């Protein structure tokens, strides 16, 4: 079942990249997902994060990469909101 969740999460990440949607709120959803995959949040795309999840680290990295694609496209208020969200989760978007 964990593999099914991993596939679903991977599909949701793909739905939230800038190439798939023009809605900047997708960046915030990716931030929440990244937090959940990093052990800092409880929900990922509206679903409780499974305790056991295949490919958690790979999904976390994919989510972070998708989120980084949004950074140059966001207006200042959305970037500020994203920064506050990531600070609350203690997740740095830069580096690594």
PDB file of N, CA and C in Angstrom:
ATOM      1  N   UNK A   1       0.832  -1.197   0.000  1.00  0.00           N
ATOM      2  CA  UNK A   1       0.000   0.000   0.000  1.00  0.00           C
ATOM      3  C   UNK A   1       0.871   1.253   0.000  1.00  0.00           C
ATOM      4  N   UNK A   2       2.005   1.187   0.648  1.00  0.00           N
ATOM      5  CA  UNK A   2       2.898   2.337   0.706  1.00  0.00           C
ATOM      6  C   UNK A   2       3.349   2.772  -0.688  1.00  0.00           C
ATOM      7  N   UNK A   3       3.562   1.793  -1.578  1.00  0.00           N
ATOM      8  CA  UNK A   3       3.953   2.120  -2.945  1.00  0.00           C
ATOM      9  C   UNK A   3       2.847   2.892  -3.656  1.00  0.00           C
ATOM     10  N   UNK A   4       1.603   2.550  -3.353  1.00  0.00           N
ATOM     11  CA  UNK A   4       0.468   3.251  -3.960  1.00  0.00           C
ATOM     12  C   UNK A   4       0.439   4.707  -3.494  1.00  0.00           C
ATOM     13  N   UNK A   5       0.710   4.920  -2.203  1.00  0.00           N
ATOM     14  CA  UNK A   5       0.779   6.287  -1.686  1.00  0.00           C
ATOM     15  C   UNK A   5       1.912   7.064  -2.355  1.00  0.00           C
ATOM     16  N   UNK A   6       3.057   6.423  -2.507  1.00  0.00           N
ATOM     17  CA  UNK A   6       4.194   7.090  -3.144  1.00  0.00           C
ATOM     18  C   UNK A   6       3.837   7.508  -4.562  1.00  0.00           C
ATOM     19  N   UNK A   7       3.172   6.650  -5.303  1.00  0.00           N
ATOM     20  CA  UNK A   7       2.764   6.986  -6.675  1.00  0.00           C
ATOM     21  C   UNK A   7       1.760   8.137  -6.671  1.00  0.00           C
ATOM     22  N   UNK A   8       0.822   8.108  -5.724  1.00  0.00           N
ATOM     23  CA  UNK A   8      -0.175   9.174  -5.631  1.00  0.00           C
ATOM     24  C   UNK A   8       0.502  10.509  -5.300  1.00  0.00           C
ATOM     25  N   UNK A   9       1.428  10.492  -4.363  1.00  0.00           N
ATOM     26  CA  UNK A   9       2.143  11.715  -3.983  1.00  0.00           C
ATOM     27  C   UNK A   9       2.949  12.237  -5.163  1.00  0.00           C
ATOM     28  N   UNK A  10       3.617  11.350  -5.873  1.00  0.00           N
ATOM     29  CA  UNK A  10       4.396  11.758  -7.043  1.00  0.00           C
ATOM     30  C   UNK A  10       3.484  12.425  -8.092  1.00  0.00           C
ATOM     31  N   UNK A  11       2.298  11.863  -8.299  1.00  0.00           N
ATOM     32  CA  UNK A  11       1.327  12.461  -9.230  1.00  0.00           C
ATOM     33  C   UNK A  11       0.889  13.840  -8.754  1.00  0.00           C
ATOM     34  N   UNK A  12       0.650  13.975  -7.445  1.00  0.00           N
ATOM     35  CA  UNK A  12       0.220  15.267  -6.898  1.00  0.00           C
ATOM     36  C   UNK A  12       1.331  16.311  -7.029  1.00  0.00           C
ATOM     37  N   UNK A  13       2.562  15.911  -6.807  1.00  0.00           N
ATOM     38  CA  UNK A  13       3.680  16.846  -6.997  1.00  0.00           C
ATOM     39  C   UNK A  13       3.683  17.336  -8.439  1.00  0.00           C
ATOM     40  N   UNK A  14       3.534  16.416  -9.381  1.00  0.00           N
ATOM     41  CA  UNK A  14       3.527  16.778 -10.800  1.00  0.00           C
ATOM     42  C   UNK A  14       2.389  17.737 -11.145  1.00  0.00           C
ATOM     43  N   UNK A  15       1.263  17.606 -10.461  1.00  0.00           N
ATOM     44  CA  UNK A  15       0.117  18.498 -10.696  1.00  0.00           C
ATOM     45  C   UNK A  15       0.359  19.903 -10.160  1.00  0.00           C
ATOM     46  N   UNK A  16       1.330  20.061  -9.258  1.00  0.00           N
ATOM     47  CA  UNK A  16       1.548  21.340  -8.589  1.00  0.00           C
ATOM     48  C   UNK A  16       2.782  22.109  -9.074  1.00  0.00           C
ATOM     49  N   UNK A  17       3.444  21.625 -10.110  1.00  0.00           N
ATOM     50  CA  UNK A  17       4.596  22.359 -10.655  1.00  0.00           C
ATOM     51  C   UNK A  17       4.100  23.489 -11.541  1.00  0.00           C
ATOM     52  N   UNK A  18       4.915  24.525 -11.757  1.00  0.00           N
ATOM     53  CA  UNK A  18       4.489  25.657 -12.575  1.00  0.00           C
ATOM     54  C   UNK A  18       4.118  25.263 -14.005  1.00  0.00           C
ATOM     55  N   UNK A  19       4.709  24.199 -14.516  1.00  0.00           N
ATOM     56  CA  UNK A  19       4.383  23.756 -15.872  1.00  0.00           C
ATOM     57  C   UNK A  19       2.975  23.172 -15.968  1.00  0.00           C
ATOM     58  N   UNK A  20       2.410  22.774 -14.821  1.00  0.00           N
ATOM     59  CA  UNK A  20       1.095  22.140 -14.805  1.00  0.00           C
ATOM     60  C   UNK A  20      -0.029  23.075 -14.368  1.00  0.00           C
ATOM     61  N   UNK A  21       0.318  24.143 -13.639  1.00  0.00           N
ATOM     62  CA  UNK A  21      -0.693  25.072 -13.148  1.00  0.00           C
ATOM     63  C   UNK A  21      -0.098  26.475 -13.045  1.00  0.00           C
ATOM     64  N   UNK A  22      -0.943  27.457 -13.227  1.00  0.00           N
ATOM     65  CA  UNK A  22      -0.478  28.839 -13.074  1.00  0.00           C
ATOM     66  C   UNK A  22      -0.864  29.410 -11.709  1.00  0.00           C
ATOM     67  N   UNK A  23      -1.507  28.605 -10.882  1.00  0.00           N
ATOM     68  CA  UNK A  23      -1.967  29.060  -9.569  1.00  0.00           C
ATOM     69  C   UNK A  23      -0.808  29.040  -8.577  1.00  0.00           C
ATOM     70  N   UNK A  24      -0.370  30.205  -8.101  1.00  0.00           N
ATOM     71  CA  UNK A  24       0.751  30.231  -7.158  1.00  0.00           C
ATOM     72  C   UNK A  24       0.450  29.556  -5.824  1.00  0.00           C
ATOM     73  N   UNK A  25      -0.817  29.322  -5.526  1.00  0.00           N
ATOM     74  CA  UNK A  25      -1.157  28.589  -4.296  1.00  0.00           C
ATOM     75  C   UNK A  25      -0.575  27.170  -4.335  1.00  0.00           C
ATOM     76  N   UNK A  26      -0.278  26.679  -5.529  1.00  0.00           N
ATOM     77  CA  UNK A  26       0.339  25.354  -5.655  1.00  0.00           C
ATOM     78  C   UNK A  26       1.694  25.327  -4.949  1.00  0.00           C
ATOM     79  N   UNK A  27       2.406  26.448  -4.968  1.00  0.00           N
ATOM     80  CA  UNK A  27       3.701  26.507  -4.275  1.00  0.00           C
ATOM     81  C   UNK A  27       3.520  26.301  -2.781  1.00  0.00           C
ATOM     82  N   UNK A  28       2.468  26.865  -2.229  1.00  0.00           N
ATOM     83  CA  UNK A  28       2.210  26.698  -0.796  1.00  0.00           C
ATOM     84  C   UNK A  28       1.829  25.252  -0.480  1.00  0.00           C
ATOM     85  N   UNK A  29       1.073  24.623  -1.375  1.00  0.00           N
ATOM     86  CA  UNK A  29       0.737  23.218  -1.182  1.00  0.00           C
ATOM     87  C   UNK A  29       1.993  22.350  -1.225  1.00  0.00           C
ATOM     88  N   UNK A  30       2.906  22.681  -2.141  1.00  0.00           N
ATOM     89  CA  UNK A  30       4.175  21.956  -2.203  1.00  0.00           C
ATOM     90  C   UNK A  30       4.980  22.152  -0.922  1.00  0.00           C
ATOM     91  N   UNK A  31       4.930  23.357  -0.367  1.00  0.00           N
ATOM     92  CA  UNK A  31       5.647  23.619   0.883  1.00  0.00           C
ATOM     93  C   UNK A  31       5.102  22.745   2.016  1.00  0.00           C
ATOM     94  N   UNK A  32       3.787  22.637   2.103  1.00  0.00           N
ATOM     95  CA  UNK A  32       3.178  21.772   3.118  1.00  0.00           C
ATOM     96  C   UNK A  32       3.566  20.309   2.878  1.00  0.00           C
ATOM     97  N   UNK A  33       3.576  19.903   1.609  1.00  0.00           N
ATOM     98  CA  UNK A  33       3.946  18.527   1.271  1.00  0.00           C
ATOM     99  C   UNK A  33       5.405  18.261   1.633  1.00  0.00           C
ATOM    100  N   UNK A  34       6.266  19.211   1.310  1.00  0.00           N
ATOM    101  CA  UNK A  34       7.683  19.065   1.629  1.00  0.00           C
ATOM    102  C   UNK A  34       7.874  18.934   3.145  1.00  0.00           C
ATOM    103  N   UNK A  35       7.139  19.732   3.886  1.00  0.00           N
ATOM    104  CA  UNK A  35       7.216  19.650   5.346  1.00  0.00           C
ATOM    105  C   UNK A  35       6.785  18.263   5.828  1.00  0.00           C
ATOM    106  N   UNK A  36       5.696  17.761   5.279  1.00  0.00           N
ATOM    107  CA  UNK A  36       5.207  16.439   5.688  1.00  0.00           C
ATOM    108  C   UNK A  36       6.228  15.354   5.352  1.00  0.00           C
ATOM    109  N   UNK A  37       6.825  15.449   4.180  1.00  0.00           N
ATOM    110  CA  UNK A  37       7.822  14.459   3.771  1.00  0.00           C
ATOM    111  C   UNK A  37       9.113  14.586   4.577  1.00  0.00           C
ATOM    112  N   UNK A  38       9.318  15.752   5.171  1.00  0.00           N
ATOM    113  CA  UNK A  38      10.505  15.986   5.999  1.00  0.00           C
ATOM    114  C   UNK A  38      10.242  15.698   7.472  1.00  0.00           C
ATOM    115  N   UNK A  39       9.036  15.238   7.781  1.00  0.00           N
ATOM    116  CA  UNK A  39       8.696  14.921   9.158  1.00  0.00           C
ATOM    117  C   UNK A  39       8.249  16.115   9.971  1.00  0.00           C
ATOM    118  N   UNK A  40       7.957  17.233   9.313  1.00  0.00           N
ATOM    119  CA  UNK A  40       7.572  18.456  10.019  1.00  0.00           C
ATOM    120  C   UNK A  40       6.084  18.764   9.921  1.00  0.00           C
ATOM    121  N   UNK A  41       5.371  18.044   9.076  1.00  0.00           N
ATOM    122  CA  UNK A  41       3.939  18.282   8.915  1.00  0.00           C
ATOM    123  C   UNK A  41       3.180  16.975   9.010  1.00  0.00           C
ATOM    124  N   UNK A  42       1.877  17.065   9.151  1.00  0.00           N
ATOM    125  CA  UNK A  42       1.065  15.856   9.319  1.00  0.00           C
ATOM    126  C   UNK A  42       0.270  15.495   8.079  1.00  0.00           C
ATOM    127  N   UNK A  43       0.025  16.462   7.208  1.00  0.00           N
ATOM    128  CA  UNK A  43      -0.793  16.187   6.030  1.00  0.00           C
ATOM    129  C   UNK A  43      -0.038  16.504   4.762  1.00  0.00           C
ATOM    130  N   UNK A  44      -0.321  15.705   3.739  1.00  0.00           N
ATOM    131  CA  UNK A  44       0.272  15.919   2.430  1.00  0.00           C
ATOM    132  C   UNK A  44      -0.856  15.906   1.406  1.00  0.00           C
ATOM    133  N   UNK A  45      -1.067  17.039   0.768  1.00  0.00           N
ATOM    134  CA  UNK A  45      -2.142  17.215  -0.208  1.00  0.00           C
ATOM    135  C   UNK A  45      -3.485  16.761   0.359  1.00  0.00           C
ATOM    136  N   UNK A  46      -3.743  17.144   1.617  1.00  0.00           N
ATOM    137  CA  UNK A  46      -5.031  16.867   2.247  1.00  0.00           C
ATOM    138  C   UNK A  46      -5.170  15.479   2.845  1.00  0.00           C
ATOM    139  N   UNK A  47      -4.138  14.672   2.759  1.00  0.00           N
ATOM    140  CA  UNK A  47      -4.178  13.320   3.295  1.00  0.00           C
ATOM    141  C   UNK A  47      -3.178  13.214   4.442  1.00  0.00           C
ATOM    142  N   UNK A  48      -3.542  12.467   5.470  1.00  0.00           N
ATOM    143  CA  UNK A  48      -2.596  12.251   6.561  1.00  0.00           C
ATOM    144  C   UNK A  48      -1.385  11.496   6.019  1.00  0.00           C
ATOM    145  N   UNK A  49      -0.214  11.970   6.382  1.00  0.00           N
ATOM    146  CA  UNK A  49       1.014  11.354   5.900  1.00  0.00           C
ATOM    147  C   UNK A  49       1.178   9.967   6.516  1.00  0.00           C
ATOM    148  N   UNK A  50       1.336   8.941   5.675  1.00  0.00           N
ATOM    149  CA  UNK A  50       1.530   7.596   6.217  1.00  0.00           C
ATOM    150  C   UNK A  50       2.827   7.506   7.015  1.00  0.00           C
ATOM    151  N   UNK A  51       2.815   6.757   8.103  1.00  0.00           N
ATOM    152  CA  UNK A  51       4.019   6.583   8.914  1.00  0.00           C
ATOM    153  C   UNK A  51       5.107   5.886   8.111  1.00  0.00           C
ATOM    154  N   UNK A  52       4.717   4.873   7.368  1.00  0.00           N
ATOM    155  CA  UNK A  52       5.646   4.155   6.498  1.00  0.00           C
ATOM    156  C   UNK A  52       5.346   4.565   5.067  1.00  0.00           C
ATOM    157  N   UNK A  53       6.344   5.092   4.390  1.00  0.00           N
ATOM    158  CA  UNK A  53       6.135   5.570   3.021  1.00  0.00           C
ATOM    159  C   UNK A  53       7.346   5.206   2.180  1.00  0.00           C
ATOM    160  N   UNK A  54       7.102   4.425   1.152  1.00  0.00           N
ATOM    161  CA  UNK A  54       8.179   4.051   0.236  1.00  0.00           C
ATOM    162  C   UNK A  54       8.714   5.309  -0.441  1.00  0.00           C
ATOM    163  N   UNK A  55       9.994   5.368  -0.598  1.00  0.00           N
ATOM    164  CA  UNK A  55      10.648   6.457  -1.331  1.00  0.00           C
ATOM    165  C   UNK A  55      10.475   7.827  -0.682  1.00  0.00           C
ATOM    166  N   UNK A  56      10.296   7.867   0.616  1.00  0.00           N
ATOM    167  CA  UNK A  56      10.073   9.152   1.305  1.00  0.00           C
ATOM    168  C   UNK A  56      11.148  10.184   0.961  1.00  0.00           C
ATOM    169  N   UNK A  57      12.415   9.790   1.021  1.00  0.00           N
ATOM    170  CA  UNK A  57      13.502  10.737   0.769  1.00  0.00           C
ATOM    171  C   UNK A  57      13.479  11.227  -0.676  1.00  0.00           C
ATOM    172  N   UNK A  58      13.255  10.317  -1.618  1.00  0.00           N
ATOM    173  CA  UNK A  58      13.199  10.705  -3.036  1.00  0.00           C
ATOM    174  C   UNK A  58      12.022  11.645  -3.286  1.00  0.00           C
ATOM    175  N   UNK A  59      10.880  11.339  -2.697  1.00  0.00           N
ATOM    176  CA  UNK A  59       9.705  12.202  -2.853  1.00  0.00           C
ATOM    177  C   UNK A  59       9.962  13.572  -2.230  1.00  0.00           C
ATOM    178  N   UNK A  60      10.612  13.585  -1.071  1.00  0.00           N
ATOM    179  CA  UNK A  60      10.948  14.857  -0.418  1.00  0.00           C
ATOM    180  C   UNK A  60      11.816  15.701  -1.339  1.00  0.00           C
ATOM    181  N   UNK A  61      12.822  15.091  -1.948  1.00  0.00           N
ATOM    182  CA  UNK A  61      13.711  15.821  -2.847  1.00  0.00           C
ATOM    183  C   UNK A  61      12.985  16.299  -4.094  1.00  0.00           C
ATOM    184  N   UNK A  62      12.091  15.475  -4.634  1.00  0.00           N
ATOM    185  CA  UNK A  62      11.299  15.876  -5.806  1.00  0.00           C
ATOM    186  C   UNK A  62      10.385  17.043  -5.460  1.00  0.00           C
ATOM    187  N   UNK A  63       9.809  16.992  -4.291  1.00  0.00           N
ATOM    188  CA  UNK A  63       8.915  18.054  -3.847  1.00  0.00           C
ATOM    189  C   UNK A  63       9.685  19.362  -3.676  1.00  0.00           C
ATOM    190  N   UNK A  64      10.848  19.278  -3.070  1.00  0.00           N
ATOM    191  CA  UNK A  64      11.687  20.469  -2.886  1.00  0.00           C
ATOM    192  C   UNK A  64      12.088  21.059  -4.235  1.00  0.00           C
ATOM    193  N   UNK A  65      12.443  20.217  -5.189  1.00  0.00           N
ATOM    194  CA  UNK A  65      12.824  20.694  -6.525  1.00  0.00           C
ATOM    195  C   UNK A  65      11.638  21.366  -7.210  1.00  0.00           C
ATOM    196  N   UNK A  66      10.452  20.791  -7.060  1.00  0.00           N
ATOM    197  CA  UNK A  66       9.249  21.390  -7.650  1.00  0.00           C
ATOM    198  C   UNK A  66       8.963  22.745  -7.011  1.00  0.00           C
ATOM    199  N   UNK A  67       9.119  22.827  -5.709  1.00  0.00           N
ATOM    200  CA  UNK A  67       8.891  24.085  -5.000  1.00  0.00           C
ATOM    201  C   UNK A  67       9.879  25.158  -5.466  1.00  0.00           C
ATOM    202  N   UNK A  68      11.121  24.777  -5.640  1.00  0.00           N
ATOM    203  CA  UNK A  68      12.135  25.749  -6.064  1.00  0.00           C
ATOM    204  C   UNK A  68      11.829  26.330  -7.443  1.00  0.00           C
ATOM    205  N   UNK A  69      11.140  25.573  -8.298  1.00  0.00           N
ATOM    206  CA  UNK A  69      10.761  26.091  -9.622  1.00  0.00           C
ATOM    207  C   UNK A  69       9.829  27.294  -9.500  1.00  0.00           C
ATOM    208  N   UNK A  70       9.062  27.328  -8.432  1.00  0.00           N
ATOM    209  CA  UNK A  70       8.100  28.413  -8.238  1.00  0.00           C
ATOM    210  C   UNK A  70       8.757  29.728  -7.820  1.00  0.00           C
ATOM    211  N   UNK A  71       9.868  29.679  -7.129  1.00  0.00           N
ATOM    212  CA  UNK A  71      10.452  30.857  -6.488  1.00  0.00           C
ATOM    213  C   UNK A  71      10.561  32.059  -7.430  1.00  0.00           C
ATOM    214  N   UNK A  72      11.148  31.924  -8.628  1.00  0.00           N
ATOM    215  CA  UNK A  72      11.272  33.109  -9.485  1.00  0.00           C
ATOM    216  C   UNK A  72       9.942  33.615 -10.044  1.00  0.00           C
ATOM    217  N   UNK A  73       8.890  32.820  -9.933  1.00  0.00           N
ATOM    218  CA  UNK A  73       7.594  33.180 -10.525  1.00  0.00           C
ATOM    219  C   UNK A  73       6.643  33.842  -9.539  1.00  0.00           C
ATOM    220  N   UNK A  74       6.959  33.793  -8.268  1.00  0.00           N
ATOM    221  CA  UNK A  74       6.037  34.289  -7.248  1.00  0.00           C
ATOM    222  C   UNK A  74       6.190  35.787  -7.027  1.00  0.00           C
ATOM    223  N   UNK A  75       5.057  36.443  -6.767  1.00  0.00           N
ATOM    224  CA  UNK A  75       5.110  37.855  -6.408  1.00  0.00           C
ATOM    225  C   UNK A  75       5.604  37.977  -4.956  1.00  0.00           C
ATOM    226  N   UNK A  76       5.943  39.197  -4.564  1.00  0.00           N
ATOM    227  CA  UNK A  76       6.532  39.400  -3.239  1.00  0.00           C
ATOM    228  C   UNK A  76       5.618  38.932  -2.101  1.00  0.00           C
ATOM    229  N   UNK A  77       4.318  39.258  -2.111  1.00  0.00           N
ATOM    230  CA  UNK A  77       3.478  38.783  -0.999  1.00  0.00           C
ATOM    231  C   UNK A  77       3.439  37.252  -0.894  1.00  0.00           C
ATOM    232  N   UNK A  78       3.407  36.567  -2.020  1.00  0.00           N
ATOM    233  CA  UNK A  78       3.376  35.105  -1.986  1.00  0.00           C
ATOM    234  C   UNK A  78       4.722  34.559  -1.530  1.00  0.00           C
ATOM    235  N   UNK A  79       5.821  35.189  -1.974  1.00  0.00           N
ATOM    236  CA  UNK A  79       7.142  34.764  -1.496  1.00  0.00           C
ATOM    237  C   UNK A  79       7.256  34.958   0.012  1.00  0.00           C
ATOM    238  N   UNK A  80       6.741  36.078   0.499  1.00  0.00           N
ATOM    239  CA  UNK A  80       6.775  36.327   1.942  1.00  0.00           C
ATOM    240  C   UNK A  80       5.967  35.274   2.702  1.00  0.00           C
ATOM    241  N   UNK A  81       4.804  34.939   2.162  1.00  0.00           N
ATOM    242  CA  UNK A  81       3.959  33.924   2.787  1.00  0.00           C
ATOM    243  C   UNK A  81       4.675  32.570   2.787  1.00  0.00           C
ATOM    244  N   UNK A  82       5.311  32.237   1.679  1.00  0.00           N
ATOM    245  CA  UNK A  82       6.063  30.989   1.579  1.00  0.00           C
ATOM    246  C   UNK A  82       7.223  30.977   2.573  1.00  0.00           C
ATOM    247  N   UNK A  83       7.927  32.090   2.671  1.00  0.00           N
ATOM    248  CA  UNK A  83       9.047  32.193   3.604  1.00  0.00           C
ATOM    249  C   UNK A  83       8.576  31.980   5.040  1.00  0.00           C
ATOM    250  N   UNK A  84       7.456  32.596   5.404  1.00  0.00           N
ATOM    251  CA  UNK A  84       6.909  32.442   6.758  1.00  0.00           C
ATOM    252  C   UNK A  84       6.517  30.996   7.023  1.00  0.00           C
ATOM    253  N   UNK A  85       5.919  30.368   6.041  1.00  0.00           N
ATOM    254  CA  UNK A  85       5.502  28.979   6.176  1.00  0.00           C
ATOM    255  C   UNK A  85       6.712  28.071   6.387  1.00  0.00           C
ATOM    256  N   UNK A  86       7.736  28.254   5.568  1.00  0.00           N
ATOM    257  CA  UNK A  86       8.920  27.417   5.683  1.00  0.00           C
ATOM    258  C   UNK A  86       9.680  27.690   6.984  1.00  0.00           C
ATOM    259  N   UNK A  87       9.651  28.940   7.437  1.00  0.00           N
ATOM    260  CA  UNK A  87      10.276  29.272   8.717  1.00  0.00           C
ATOM    261  C   UNK A  87       9.526  28.576   9.864  1.00  0.00           C
ATOM    262  N   UNK A  88       8.206  28.567   9.778  1.00  0.00           N
ATOM    263  CA  UNK A  88       7.408  27.897  10.807  1.00  0.00           C
ATOM    264  C   UNK A  88       7.707  26.399  10.852  1.00  0.00           C
ATOM    265  N   UNK A  89       7.967  25.815   9.695  1.00  0.00           N
ATOM    266  CA  UNK A  89       8.307  24.402   9.633  1.00  0.00           C
ATOM    267  C   UNK A  89       9.808  24.167   9.865  1.00  0.00           C
ATOM    268  N   UNK A  90      10.573  25.236   9.945  1.00  0.00           N
ATOM    269  CA  UNK A  90      12.036  25.145  10.110  1.00  0.00           C
ATOM    270  C   UNK A  90      12.685  24.422   8.939  1.00  0.00           C
ATOM    271  N   UNK A  91      12.234  24.763   7.719  1.00  0.00           N
ATOM    272  CA  UNK A  91      12.773  24.151   6.499  1.00  0.00           C
ATOM    273  C   UNK A  91      13.384  25.244   5.624  1.00  0.00           C
ATOM    274  N   UNK A  92      14.683  25.218   5.391  1.00  0.00           N
ATOM    275  CA  UNK A  92      15.306  26.207   4.522  1.00  0.00           C
ATOM    276  C   UNK A  92      15.183  25.808   3.049  1.00  0.00           C
ATOM    277  N   UNK A  93      14.697  26.696   2.202  1.00  0.00           N
ATOM    278  CA  UNK A  93      14.558  26.388   0.781  1.00  0.00           C
ATOM    279  C   UNK A  93      15.909  26.504   0.075  1.00  0.00           C
ATOM    280  N   UNK A  94      16.798  27.351   0.584  1.00  0.00           N
ATOM    281  CA  UNK A  94      18.094  27.521  -0.072  1.00  0.00           C
ATOM    282  C   UNK A  94      19.078  26.480   0.436  1.00  0.00           C
ATOM    283  N   UNK A  95      20.122  26.320  -0.325  1.00  0.00           N
ATOM    284  CA  UNK A  95      21.173  25.373   0.069  1.00  0.00           C
ATOM    285  C   UNK A  95      20.820  23.948  -0.261  1.00  0.00           C
ATOM    286  N   UNK A  96      21.782  23.060  -0.030  1.00  0.00           N
ATOM    287  CA  UNK A  96      21.585  21.642  -0.224  1.00  0.00           C
ATOM    288  C   UNK A  96      21.229  21.316  -1.582  1.00  0.00           C
TER     289      UNK A  96
END
